[in-house]
N, C-alpha and C. Protein backbone atom coordinates (compact mmCIF):
# COMPACT_ATOMS: atom_id res chain seq x y z
N UNK A 1 9.28 -5.49 22.39
CA UNK A 1 11.53 -6.66 22.69
C UNK A 1 12.79 -4.85 22.83
N UNK A 2 12.24 -4.44 24.00
CA UNK A 2 13.41 -3.49 24.28
C UNK A 2 14.18 -3.74 24.15
N UNK A 3 15.93 -3.22 24.27
CA UNK A 3 17.01 -3.27 24.13
C UNK A 3 18.24 -3.88 25.02
N UNK A 4 16.88 -4.02 25.86
CA UNK A 4 18.12 -4.80 26.98
C UNK A 4 17.87 -6.19 27.30
N UNK A 5 16.84 -6.15 26.60
CA UNK A 5 16.58 -7.64 26.48
C UNK A 5 17.20 -7.79 25.02
N UNK A 6 17.60 -7.23 23.94
CA UNK A 6 17.71 -7.94 22.94
C UNK A 6 19.69 -7.84 23.19
N UNK A 7 20.39 -6.67 23.92
CA UNK A 7 21.38 -6.96 24.29
C UNK A 7 21.45 -8.53 25.18
N UNK A 8 20.84 -8.16 25.94
CA UNK A 8 20.69 -9.53 26.83
C UNK A 8 20.48 -11.04 25.52
N UNK A 9 20.01 -10.94 25.34
CA UNK A 9 19.95 -12.75 24.32
C UNK A 9 21.68 -12.97 23.78
N UNK A 10 21.29 -11.34 22.83
CA UNK A 10 22.86 -11.81 21.85
C UNK A 10 24.30 -11.92 23.11
N UNK A 11 24.43 -11.54 24.20
CA UNK A 11 25.96 -11.58 25.14
C UNK A 11 25.15 -12.80 25.77
N UNK A 12 24.32 -13.36 25.94
CA UNK A 12 24.73 -14.65 26.79
C UNK A 12 24.40 -16.11 25.62
N UNK A 13 24.81 -17.00 26.18
CA UNK A 13 24.91 -18.34 26.11
C UNK A 13 23.76 -18.93 26.48
N UNK A 14 23.18 -20.13 25.97
CA UNK A 14 22.18 -21.11 27.12
C UNK A 14 23.49 -21.72 27.94
N UNK A 15 24.71 -21.51 28.48
CA UNK A 15 25.31 -22.46 29.05
C UNK A 15 26.06 -21.62 29.75
N UNK A 16 25.28 -20.74 29.94
CA UNK A 16 26.51 -19.33 30.55
C UNK A 16 26.78 -18.79 30.06
N UNK A 17 28.66 -19.19 30.13
CA UNK A 17 29.19 -18.43 28.75
C UNK A 17 28.83 -17.70 28.06
N UNK A 18 30.01 -16.20 27.86
CA UNK A 18 29.45 -14.50 27.71
C UNK A 18 29.74 -15.60 26.03
N UNK A 19 28.65 -14.96 25.30
CA UNK A 19 28.89 -14.80 23.71
C UNK A 19 29.72 -13.93 22.51
N UNK A 20 31.19 -14.03 23.51
CA UNK A 20 31.67 -12.46 23.00
C UNK A 20 31.94 -12.17 20.92
N UNK A 21 31.87 -14.14 20.77
CA UNK A 21 32.94 -13.81 19.44
C UNK A 21 30.94 -14.47 18.51
N UNK A 22 31.16 -13.44 17.57
CA UNK A 22 30.19 -13.88 16.24
C UNK A 22 31.32 -15.31 15.35
N UNK A 23 30.34 -16.20 15.80
CA UNK A 23 31.09 -17.77 14.28
C UNK A 23 29.91 -17.35 13.72
N UNK A 24 30.75 -17.67 12.09
CA UNK A 24 29.82 -17.77 10.98
C UNK A 24 30.39 -19.41 10.64
N UNK A 25 29.28 -19.95 9.45
CA UNK A 25 29.46 -21.10 9.24
C UNK A 25 30.04 -21.20 8.17
N UNK A 26 30.52 -22.27 7.42
CA UNK A 26 31.58 -21.92 6.34
C UNK A 26 31.19 -21.76 5.90
N UNK A 27 31.77 -21.34 4.85
CA UNK A 27 30.88 -21.10 3.24
C UNK A 27 30.34 -22.24 2.32
N UNK A 28 28.69 -21.57 1.92
CA UNK A 28 28.76 -23.89 0.79
C UNK A 28 29.64 -23.58 -0.04
N UNK A 29 30.46 -24.21 -0.72
CA UNK A 29 30.93 -24.97 -1.94
C UNK A 29 29.93 -24.34 -3.39
N UNK A 30 29.79 -23.58 -4.54
CA UNK A 30 28.50 -23.78 -5.18
C UNK A 30 28.85 -24.45 -5.66
N UNK A 31 29.20 -25.66 -6.60
CA UNK A 31 28.86 -26.94 -7.07
C UNK A 31 30.31 -28.13 -6.78
N UNK A 32 29.54 -29.29 -6.52
CA UNK A 32 30.28 -30.13 -6.16
C UNK A 32 31.35 -30.17 -6.82
N UNK A 33 32.64 -30.66 -7.47
CA UNK A 33 33.45 -30.67 -8.06
C UNK A 33 33.35 -32.07 -8.95
N UNK A 34 33.42 -33.03 -7.45
CA UNK A 34 33.07 -34.56 -9.14
C UNK A 34 32.27 -34.51 -9.79
N UNK A 35 31.29 -34.43 -9.90
CA UNK A 35 30.20 -34.24 -10.54
C UNK A 35 29.51 -32.95 -11.56
N UNK A 36 30.22 -32.33 -10.89
CA UNK A 36 29.69 -30.54 -11.68
C UNK A 36 28.73 -30.08 -11.83
N UNK A 37 27.80 -30.38 -10.11
CA UNK A 37 26.15 -30.45 -9.62
C UNK A 37 26.41 -29.24 -8.49
N UNK A 38 25.10 -28.75 -9.43
CA UNK A 38 24.98 -27.03 -8.55
C UNK A 38 24.42 -27.47 -6.78
N UNK A 39 25.41 -27.40 -5.58
CA UNK A 39 24.48 -27.52 -4.52
C UNK A 39 23.71 -26.61 -3.96
N UNK A 40 23.53 -25.09 -4.77
CA UNK A 40 23.07 -23.25 -3.98
C UNK A 40 22.07 -23.55 -5.17
N UNK A 41 21.90 -22.40 -4.84
CA UNK A 41 21.13 -21.33 -6.03
C UNK A 41 19.87 -22.20 -5.91
N UNK A 42 19.88 -21.13 -7.20
CA UNK A 42 18.10 -21.44 -8.46
C UNK A 42 18.43 -22.30 -8.80
N UNK A 43 19.62 -22.61 -9.40
CA UNK A 43 19.67 -23.43 -10.24
C UNK A 43 20.03 -25.30 -9.24
N UNK A 44 20.04 -25.47 -8.13
CA UNK A 44 20.56 -26.57 -7.62
C UNK A 44 20.08 -27.57 -8.23
N UNK A 45 21.26 -28.69 -8.50
CA UNK A 45 20.99 -30.06 -8.73
C UNK A 45 20.67 -30.26 -10.20
N UNK A 46 21.31 -28.85 -9.98
CA UNK A 46 21.63 -28.60 -12.12
C UNK A 46 22.68 -29.22 -12.95
N UNK A 47 23.03 -29.70 -13.39
CA UNK A 47 25.08 -29.62 -14.07
C UNK A 47 25.66 -28.26 -14.01
N UNK A 48 26.11 -28.06 -14.31
CA UNK A 48 26.84 -26.63 -15.02
C UNK A 48 26.87 -26.72 -16.55
N UNK A 49 26.58 -28.05 -16.98
CA UNK A 49 26.47 -28.14 -18.84
C UNK A 49 25.21 -27.78 -18.76
N UNK A 50 24.23 -27.56 -17.99
CA UNK A 50 22.79 -26.87 -18.27
C UNK A 50 22.37 -25.47 -17.80
N UNK A 51 23.44 -24.93 -17.38
CA UNK A 51 23.11 -23.97 -16.74
C UNK A 51 23.09 -22.09 -17.78
N UNK A 52 22.64 -21.23 -17.94
CA UNK A 52 22.72 -20.44 -19.26
C UNK A 52 24.08 -19.67 -18.60
N UNK A 53 24.90 -19.35 -20.05
CA UNK A 53 26.79 -18.94 -19.99
C UNK A 53 26.03 -17.80 -19.21
N UNK A 54 25.37 -17.14 -19.55
CA UNK A 54 25.55 -15.62 -18.73
C UNK A 54 25.50 -16.81 -17.39
N UNK A 55 24.75 -16.84 -16.12
CA UNK A 55 25.28 -17.50 -15.10
C UNK A 55 26.09 -17.96 -14.52
N UNK A 56 27.19 -18.10 -15.85
CA UNK A 56 28.59 -19.05 -15.21
C UNK A 56 29.72 -17.61 -15.69
N UNK A 57 29.41 -17.33 -16.10
CA UNK A 57 30.16 -15.58 -16.10
C UNK A 57 29.83 -14.73 -14.72
N UNK A 58 28.54 -14.96 -14.66
CA UNK A 58 28.16 -14.18 -13.25
C UNK A 58 29.04 -14.69 -12.29
N UNK A 59 28.91 -16.00 -11.72
CA UNK A 59 29.65 -16.46 -11.21
C UNK A 59 31.23 -16.57 -10.98
N UNK A 60 31.75 -16.70 -12.77
CA UNK A 60 33.05 -16.16 -12.07
C UNK A 60 33.26 -14.71 -11.66
N UNK A 61 32.99 -13.53 -11.88
CA UNK A 61 32.68 -12.52 -11.78
C UNK A 61 32.70 -11.81 -10.11
N UNK A 62 31.37 -12.92 -10.01
CA UNK A 62 31.37 -12.35 -8.59
C UNK A 62 31.56 -13.42 -7.35
N UNK A 63 31.57 -14.62 -7.76
CA UNK A 63 32.47 -15.21 -7.01
C UNK A 63 33.84 -15.51 -6.45
N UNK A 64 33.58 -16.01 -4.81
CA UNK A 64 35.55 -16.25 -4.85
C UNK A 64 35.05 -17.78 -5.02
N UNK A 65 36.06 -18.71 -5.86
CA UNK A 65 35.76 -19.60 -6.10
C UNK A 65 37.47 -20.09 -6.39
N UNK A 66 37.75 -20.78 -5.33
CA UNK A 66 38.70 -22.19 -6.56
C UNK A 66 39.56 -22.43 -7.22
N UNK A 67 40.64 -21.98 -7.90
CA UNK A 67 41.36 -22.40 -9.11
C UNK A 67 40.91 -23.78 -9.35
N UNK A 68 40.45 -24.92 -9.15
CA UNK A 68 39.18 -25.98 -9.80
C UNK A 68 38.30 -25.86 -9.80
N UNK A 69 37.39 -25.08 -9.50
CA UNK A 69 35.99 -24.60 -9.53
C UNK A 69 35.78 -23.80 -10.62
N UNK A 70 37.10 -23.01 -10.50
CA UNK A 70 37.08 -21.40 -12.07
C UNK A 70 37.04 -22.17 -12.96
N UNK A 71 37.91 -22.86 -12.90
CA UNK A 71 38.79 -23.96 -14.23
C UNK A 71 37.56 -24.72 -15.01
N UNK A 72 36.81 -25.35 -14.46
CA UNK A 72 35.51 -26.14 -14.79
C UNK A 72 34.34 -25.77 -15.54
N UNK A 73 34.59 -24.19 -14.41
CA UNK A 73 33.54 -23.55 -14.83
C UNK A 73 33.99 -22.82 -16.51
N UNK A 74 35.22 -22.64 -16.14
CA UNK A 74 35.91 -22.17 -17.86
C UNK A 74 35.51 -23.70 -19.15
N UNK A 75 36.10 -24.69 -19.29
CA UNK A 75 35.78 -26.45 -19.80
C UNK A 75 34.03 -25.45 -20.51
N UNK A 76 33.02 -24.89 -19.43
CA UNK A 76 32.01 -25.66 -19.60
C UNK A 76 31.19 -24.07 -21.15
N UNK A 77 31.97 -23.32 -20.64
CA UNK A 77 31.77 -22.02 -21.95
C UNK A 77 32.81 -22.38 -22.14
């Protein structure tokens, strides 16, 4: 695939409008607040209480979580 072809694909939308703004999907929250079940990753469909403590500590350290989710993890730890 040539460079010109890649550039053309990236800059033209099917509707004919130029797509100069890169859109991003909203960030998926790692678990539901209502029941504490993981929605993403290796431990999908598991409750917070079933996860390894090391993984919960990693989530606190590495993920950008809202205060409600942080407090839920701290309750489990």
